[in-house]
Protein backbone atom coordinates (compact mmCIF):
# COMPACT_ATOMS: atom_id res chain seq x y z
CA MET A 1 201.24 308.31 193.26
CA GLU A 2 200.57 312.33 193.13
CA LYS A 3 199.82 312.24 189.98
CA LEU A 4 196.84 310.17 190.67
CA PRO A 5 193.50 312.52 191.40
CA LEU A 6 192.35 312.73 195.01
CA LYS A 7 189.25 311.08 194.62
CA ILE A 8 191.45 307.64 193.67
CA ARG A 9 194.04 308.30 196.49
CA VAL A 10 191.20 308.48 198.99
CA ASP A 11 190.06 305.23 197.50
CA ILE A 12 193.74 303.59 197.42
CA ARG A 13 193.93 304.81 201.40
CA ASP A 14 190.49 303.86 202.38
CA LEU A 15 190.10 300.15 200.49
CA TYR A 16 193.13 298.88 199.97
CA ALA A 17 195.71 300.34 202.06
CA PRO A 18 193.93 299.26 205.46
CA SER A 19 195.01 295.85 207.11
CA THR A 20 191.51 294.83 207.22
CA SER A 21 190.64 295.83 203.67
CA SER A 22 189.64 292.83 201.73
CA VAL A 23 192.56 292.41 199.48
CA ASN A 24 194.63 292.08 202.48
CA LYS A 25 192.68 289.52 204.33
CA GLY A 26 192.60 287.36 201.09
CA LEU A 27 196.78 288.10 200.96
CA THR A 28 197.34 286.52 203.81
CA SER A 29 195.19 283.94 203.50
CA LEU A 30 196.80 283.12 200.01
CA SER A 31 200.22 283.39 202.08
CA ASP A 32 198.80 280.93 204.90
CA ILE A 33 198.05 278.28 202.76
CA LEU A 34 201.65 278.82 200.69
CA GLY A 35 203.43 279.31 203.46
CA LYS A 36 205.35 282.19 202.04
CA LYS A 37 203.88 285.87 201.79
CA ILE A 38 202.76 287.32 199.08
CA VAL A 39 203.63 290.77 198.21
CA PRO A 40 201.53 293.00 195.94
CA GLU A 41 202.66 295.59 193.73
CA VAL A 42 200.20 297.38 192.36
CA GLU A 43 200.52 300.22 189.04
CA TRP A 44 197.80 302.37 189.70
CA PRO A 45 199.15 305.59 187.66
CA ALA A 46 199.60 303.25 184.88
CA LEU A 47 196.28 301.29 185.42
CA TRP A 48 194.50 304.18 186.08
CA THR A 49 195.74 306.04 182.66
CA GLU A 50 194.37 303.15 180.84
CA SER A 51 190.99 303.13 182.26
CA LYS A 52 190.11 306.44 183.09
CA ASP A 53 188.21 307.06 179.93
CA ASP A 54 185.47 304.04 181.37
CA PHE A 55 185.76 305.69 184.77
CA LEU A 56 184.76 309.40 184.44
CA ASP A 57 183.90 310.26 188.13
CA LYS A 58 186.17 307.77 189.41
CA GLU A 59 184.21 306.14 191.54
CA GLY A 60 184.35 302.40 191.70
CA PHE A 61 187.82 302.20 189.74
CA VAL A 62 189.84 300.88 193.01
CA SER A 63 186.97 298.70 193.93
CA SER A 64 187.72 297.25 190.06
CA VAL A 65 191.02 296.87 190.51
CA ILE A 66 190.36 295.33 194.33
CA SER A 67 188.23 292.79 193.20
CA VAL A 68 189.87 291.23 190.68
CA ILE A 69 192.95 291.02 193.03
CA VAL A 70 190.65 289.85 195.86
CA ALA A 71 188.92 286.88 193.64
CA TRP A 72 192.41 286.07 192.30
CA CYS A 73 193.32 284.84 195.44
CA ASP A 74 190.60 283.41 196.30
CA ARG A 75 190.93 281.03 193.03
CA LEU A 76 194.08 279.99 193.19
CA SER A 77 193.55 279.17 197.33
CA VAL A 78 190.94 277.28 195.71
CA ARG A 79 193.28 275.12 193.40
CA LEU A 80 196.04 274.63 195.75
CA THR A 81 193.84 273.67 198.35
CA ASN A 82 192.17 271.29 196.11
CA ASP A 83 193.47 267.33 195.82
CA ASN A 84 192.44 266.96 192.14
CA GLU A 85 195.30 269.49 191.69
CA GLY A 86 197.87 267.99 193.39
CA GLU A 87 200.20 267.49 190.42
CA TRP A 88 199.28 271.46 189.22
CA THR A 89 200.32 272.81 192.59
CA ASP A 90 204.04 270.59 193.00
CA ASP A 91 204.91 272.58 189.68
CA PHE A 92 203.34 276.11 190.72
CA LEU A 93 205.06 275.87 194.20
CA GLU A 94 207.97 274.47 192.29
CA ARG A 95 208.44 278.29 189.97
CA LEU A 96 207.70 280.30 193.99
CA SER A 97 210.84 278.28 194.85
CA GLN A 98 212.80 280.61 192.92
CA SER A 99 212.17 283.53 194.96
CA SER A 100 213.11 284.61 198.11
CA SER A 101 210.74 284.26 201.46
CA GLU A 102 207.97 286.41 199.86
CA THR A 103 207.45 286.58 196.24
CA GLN A 104 205.72 289.98 194.24
CA LEU A 105 202.69 290.22 192.39
CA HIS A 106 202.53 292.76 190.30
CA VAL A 107 199.42 293.95 188.95
CA GLN A 108 200.13 295.90 185.77
CA PRO A 109 197.93 297.19 182.99
CA ASN A 110 197.52 294.90 179.84
CA ILE A 111 198.51 296.43 176.28
CA ASP A 112 196.82 294.03 174.63
CA LYS A 113 193.26 294.15 173.28
CA VAL A 114 191.51 291.77 175.70
CA ASP A 115 188.64 291.86 178.14
CA ARG A 116 190.22 289.65 180.99
CA PRO A 117 192.49 289.58 183.60
CA ALA A 118 195.60 287.52 182.74
CA THR A 119 198.52 285.76 185.25
CA ARG A 120 202.17 285.37 183.87
CA TRP A 121 204.87 284.13 185.74
CA ALA A 122 208.34 286.04 184.87
CA ASP A 123 211.09 283.57 185.54
CA LYS A 124 214.13 285.86 184.87
CA CYS A 125 212.85 288.29 188.51
CA ALA A 126 210.74 285.69 189.79
CA LYS A 127 207.26 287.02 190.43
CA LEU A 128 204.06 286.95 189.14
CA ILE A 129 202.25 289.42 186.79
CA LEU A 130 198.63 289.90 187.18
CA TYR A 131 197.50 291.53 183.89
CA LEU A 132 194.17 293.87 183.87
CA PRO A 133 192.75 294.53 180.78
CA LYS A 134 191.90 298.59 180.06
CA GLY A 135 188.45 299.78 181.47
CA LYS A 136 185.55 298.26 183.19
CA GLN A 137 187.00 294.71 184.83
CA LEU A 138 185.00 291.06 184.78
CA SER A 139 183.07 290.22 187.57
CA GLY A 140 180.46 287.36 188.98
CA THR A 141 180.63 283.86 187.32
CA HIS A 142 182.66 285.29 184.47
CA LEU A 143 185.30 286.84 185.95
CA PHE A 144 186.14 283.26 187.76
CA ARG A 145 185.98 281.11 184.94
CA ALA A 146 188.88 283.49 182.99
CA LEU A 147 190.78 283.30 186.11
CA ASP A 148 190.54 279.60 186.41
CA GLU A 149 190.99 279.46 183.03
CA ASP A 150 194.14 281.26 182.86
CA LEU A 151 195.60 279.27 186.03
CA ALA A 152 195.30 276.35 185.19
CA LYS A 153 197.49 277.08 181.86
CA LEU A 154 200.27 278.71 184.03
CA GLY A 155 201.21 275.55 186.33
CA VAL A 156 202.03 273.29 183.10
CA GLU A 157 205.60 272.44 183.18
CA GLY A 158 207.46 274.61 179.99
CA SER A 159 203.98 276.56 179.21
CA GLU A 160 205.26 280.07 180.71
CA PRO A 161 203.38 282.91 178.00
CA THR A 162 205.09 286.10 177.37
CA ALA A 163 204.26 289.08 179.00
CA ASN A 164 201.35 290.82 177.60
CA GLU A 165 200.40 288.29 175.10
CA ALA A 166 196.71 287.96 174.36
CA VAL A 167 194.78 285.54 176.41
CA GLU A 168 192.08 282.89 174.45
CA ASP A 169 189.62 283.05 175.01
CA ASP A 170 189.39 279.00 175.19
CA TRP A 171 191.97 276.71 176.47
CA ALA A 172 190.49 274.21 175.17
CA GLU A 173 193.95 272.34 176.46
CA VAL A 174 197.52 272.59 177.04
CA THR A 175 199.85 269.64 175.88
CA ARG A 176 203.23 269.62 177.12
CA ASP A 177 204.39 265.96 178.76
CA ARG A 178 201.04 265.80 179.91
CA GLN A 179 197.01 267.63 179.60
CA VAL A 180 195.64 269.89 182.00
CA LYS A 181 191.99 270.44 180.97
CA ALA A 182 190.68 274.00 181.49
CA VAL A 183 188.01 274.30 184.25
CA SER A 184 184.95 275.30 182.06
CA GLY A 185 181.20 276.79 183.49
CA LYS A 186 180.77 277.11 186.62
CA PRO A 187 183.18 277.44 189.07
CA LYS A 188 182.82 273.80 190.98
CA THR A 189 183.67 276.00 194.24
CA LEU A 190 181.90 278.83 195.33
CA PRO A 191 183.25 282.25 196.01
CA SER A 192 184.44 284.01 198.83
CA LEU A 193 181.95 286.86 199.59
CA ASP A 194 184.82 289.84 200.10
CA SER A 195 185.48 288.37 196.64
CA LEU A 196 182.02 289.38 194.85
CA PRO A 197 182.11 293.02 193.40
CA HIS A 198 179.14 296.07 194.40
CA PRO A 199 176.02 294.39 193.04
CA ARG A 200 176.18 296.54 190.25
CA ARG A 201 178.99 295.55 188.53
CA ILE A 202 177.47 291.69 188.75
CA LEU A 203 174.79 293.12 186.52
CA SER A 204 176.60 295.39 184.43
CA GLY A 205 178.86 291.57 183.46
CA VAL A 206 176.48 289.64 182.87
CA ALA A 207 176.94 288.04 179.77
CA SER A 208 173.06 288.22 178.15
CA PRO A 209 171.57 291.21 179.63
CA PHE A 210 167.61 290.67 180.10
CA MET A 211 164.46 292.99 181.12
CA ILE A 212 161.61 291.97 182.56
CA VAL A 213 158.29 293.43 180.64
CA ASP A 214 154.98 293.86 183.24
CA ILE A 215 151.91 294.90 181.14
CA SER A 216 149.12 292.97 183.19
CA SER A 217 147.86 296.49 184.15
CA SER A 218 145.93 298.36 181.33
CA GLN A 219 147.01 301.72 183.50
CA GLN A 220 150.85 301.04 184.03
CA ILE A 221 154.19 299.28 182.41
CA THR A 222 156.72 298.04 184.24
CA LEU A 223 159.79 297.17 183.53
CA GLN A 224 163.31 295.91 185.21
CA GLY A 225 166.81 295.13 183.60
CA SER A 226 170.02 294.24 184.03
CA ASP A 227 170.92 297.46 181.75
CA GLN A 228 170.12 300.57 183.60
CA THR A 229 171.26 302.53 180.55
CA ALA A 230 168.92 300.69 178.37
CA LEU A 231 166.34 301.77 180.81
CA GLU A 232 167.31 305.05 181.28
CA LEU A 233 167.32 305.82 177.71
CA LEU A 234 163.85 304.24 176.97
CA ARG A 235 162.63 306.89 180.18
CA ASP A 236 163.97 309.75 178.23
CA TYR A 237 162.64 309.06 174.75
CA LEU A 238 159.03 308.46 175.74
CA LEU A 239 159.89 311.84 177.80
CA LYS A 240 160.54 313.52 174.65
CA TRP A 241 157.65 312.27 172.43
CA GLU A 242 155.11 312.34 175.57
CA LYS A 243 151.80 314.08 174.52
CA LYS A 244 152.17 318.02 176.15
CA ASP A 245 148.48 317.11 177.86
CA VAL A 246 147.75 318.20 180.92
CA TYR A 247 145.11 315.43 181.80
CA ASN A 248 146.77 312.72 180.20
CA LYS A 249 151.13 313.75 181.07
CA LEU A 250 153.21 310.68 181.66
CA LYS A 251 155.44 309.92 184.13
CA ALA A 252 158.34 307.53 183.21
CA GLU A 253 160.83 307.09 186.35
CA MET A 254 163.59 305.43 187.41
CA ARG A 255 162.94 303.78 191.46
CA GLU A 256 166.14 302.85 193.14
CA ASP A 257 166.15 298.93 193.32
CA ALA A 258 165.43 297.51 197.38
CA PHE A 259 168.86 295.57 197.19
CA CYS A 260 171.30 298.65 197.65
CA PHE A 261 171.70 302.36 197.25
CA GLY A 262 172.64 303.61 193.56
CA MET A 263 171.20 301.40 191.69
CA SER A 264 167.98 302.01 190.17
CA ASN A 265 167.25 299.02 187.82
CA CYS A 266 163.33 299.62 187.40
CA LEU A 267 161.15 301.75 185.30
CA PHE A 268 157.66 302.79 186.30
CA ILE A 269 155.73 304.25 183.00
CA GLY A 270 151.77 305.31 184.33
CA PRO A 271 149.63 308.58 184.42
CA ALA A 272 151.19 311.25 186.14
CA ASN A 273 148.19 312.38 187.93
CA SER A 274 146.72 309.20 189.58
CA MET A 275 143.39 310.78 190.31
CA ARG A 276 142.91 310.57 186.36
CA PRO A 277 143.84 307.80 184.87
CA PHE A 278 143.93 306.50 181.56
CA ASP A 279 144.95 303.58 179.80
CA LEU A 280 148.57 302.75 178.19
CA ASN A 281 149.04 300.98 175.11
CA PRO A 282 152.63 298.83 175.32
CA VAL A 283 153.61 298.16 171.85
CA LEU A 284 156.01 301.22 171.32
CA VAL A 285 157.42 300.18 175.12
CA LEU A 286 157.89 296.10 173.06
CA ALA A 287 159.24 297.88 170.05
CA PHE A 288 161.90 299.95 171.40
CA VAL A 289 162.76 297.19 173.51
CA GLU A 290 163.00 294.69 170.60
CA ASP A 291 163.79 296.72 167.54
CA ILE A 292 166.24 299.74 169.68
CA LEU A 293 167.87 298.14 172.43
CA GLY A 294 168.11 294.90 170.73
CA TYR A 295 166.24 292.72 172.73
CA HIS A 296 164.86 289.68 171.76
CA ARG A 297 161.75 287.73 173.79
CA VAL A 298 162.35 284.45 175.60
CA GLU A 299 159.26 283.62 177.52
CA TRP A 300 155.80 285.25 178.32
CA GLN A 301 153.40 284.57 181.30
CA ASP A 302 150.79 286.36 182.58
CA ARG A 303 151.00 289.26 179.74
CA ARG A 304 154.88 289.39 182.14
CA LEU A 305 157.41 288.99 179.07
CA LEU A 306 161.24 288.67 179.43
CA PHE A 307 163.58 289.32 177.06
CA ARG A 308 167.24 288.58 176.32
CA MET A 309 170.06 290.32 174.43
């Protein structure tokens, strides 16, 4: 732990270690269902080494790891309490019986080039292993689907994968005396509140980023999008090439989202001086969105355009 930056150590102390933290609540709830204590062992130094390039300011690293563990507890709890998964549950509980009164959950980085977490059962040491991919983690529905699919495979007799093997994108079905169909599409059960990540991470994990461009006013253009960095690039581009004309000075600014602090997913473009209004031609903005950012228009209504990647 001494090798970790101070910010990471503080976040571990404040967000992960307390008994009232979301991860400890999730593990306690899961342990109550299993009748066996699940003890986490997180390899923080190794996880940080693999992911530090994606968290240059160190903000959000510990939270991202916690969110995956909490979601893992949530999805496993849902599966264990699902009457339709009785056969899977019996197999899983039989594996856990190999350990003592408590089972260890080892959380460590996955050295394979995958973009989703993977769950494994280690027979030799009778413990669960949760592999996390390098960099930023999945969030929202994508994370829940990945966990559901992986847990479905974990419960099949004789199907124990080797450690750190690449996780395939589609567990269509696994055959070993019987078939277990993977969970696909939207999770059947809604996730618990504590398992949900910060709104910024939900937006950053959107599979198909979207953007709404409002050109209903001739004197202002408003863009709202799931990718804040794309909006910031457009803002910087417009300000770089704007006219140096005091009478037609342009204002292009990011505005903070009303849902939570620290999110700015709205770009406002208009005259800098409201007393000297002038008309704006939206053509350059629309061309930038399509040709530079790579979005495609999917809907147009009342001069409001919806784009998706």
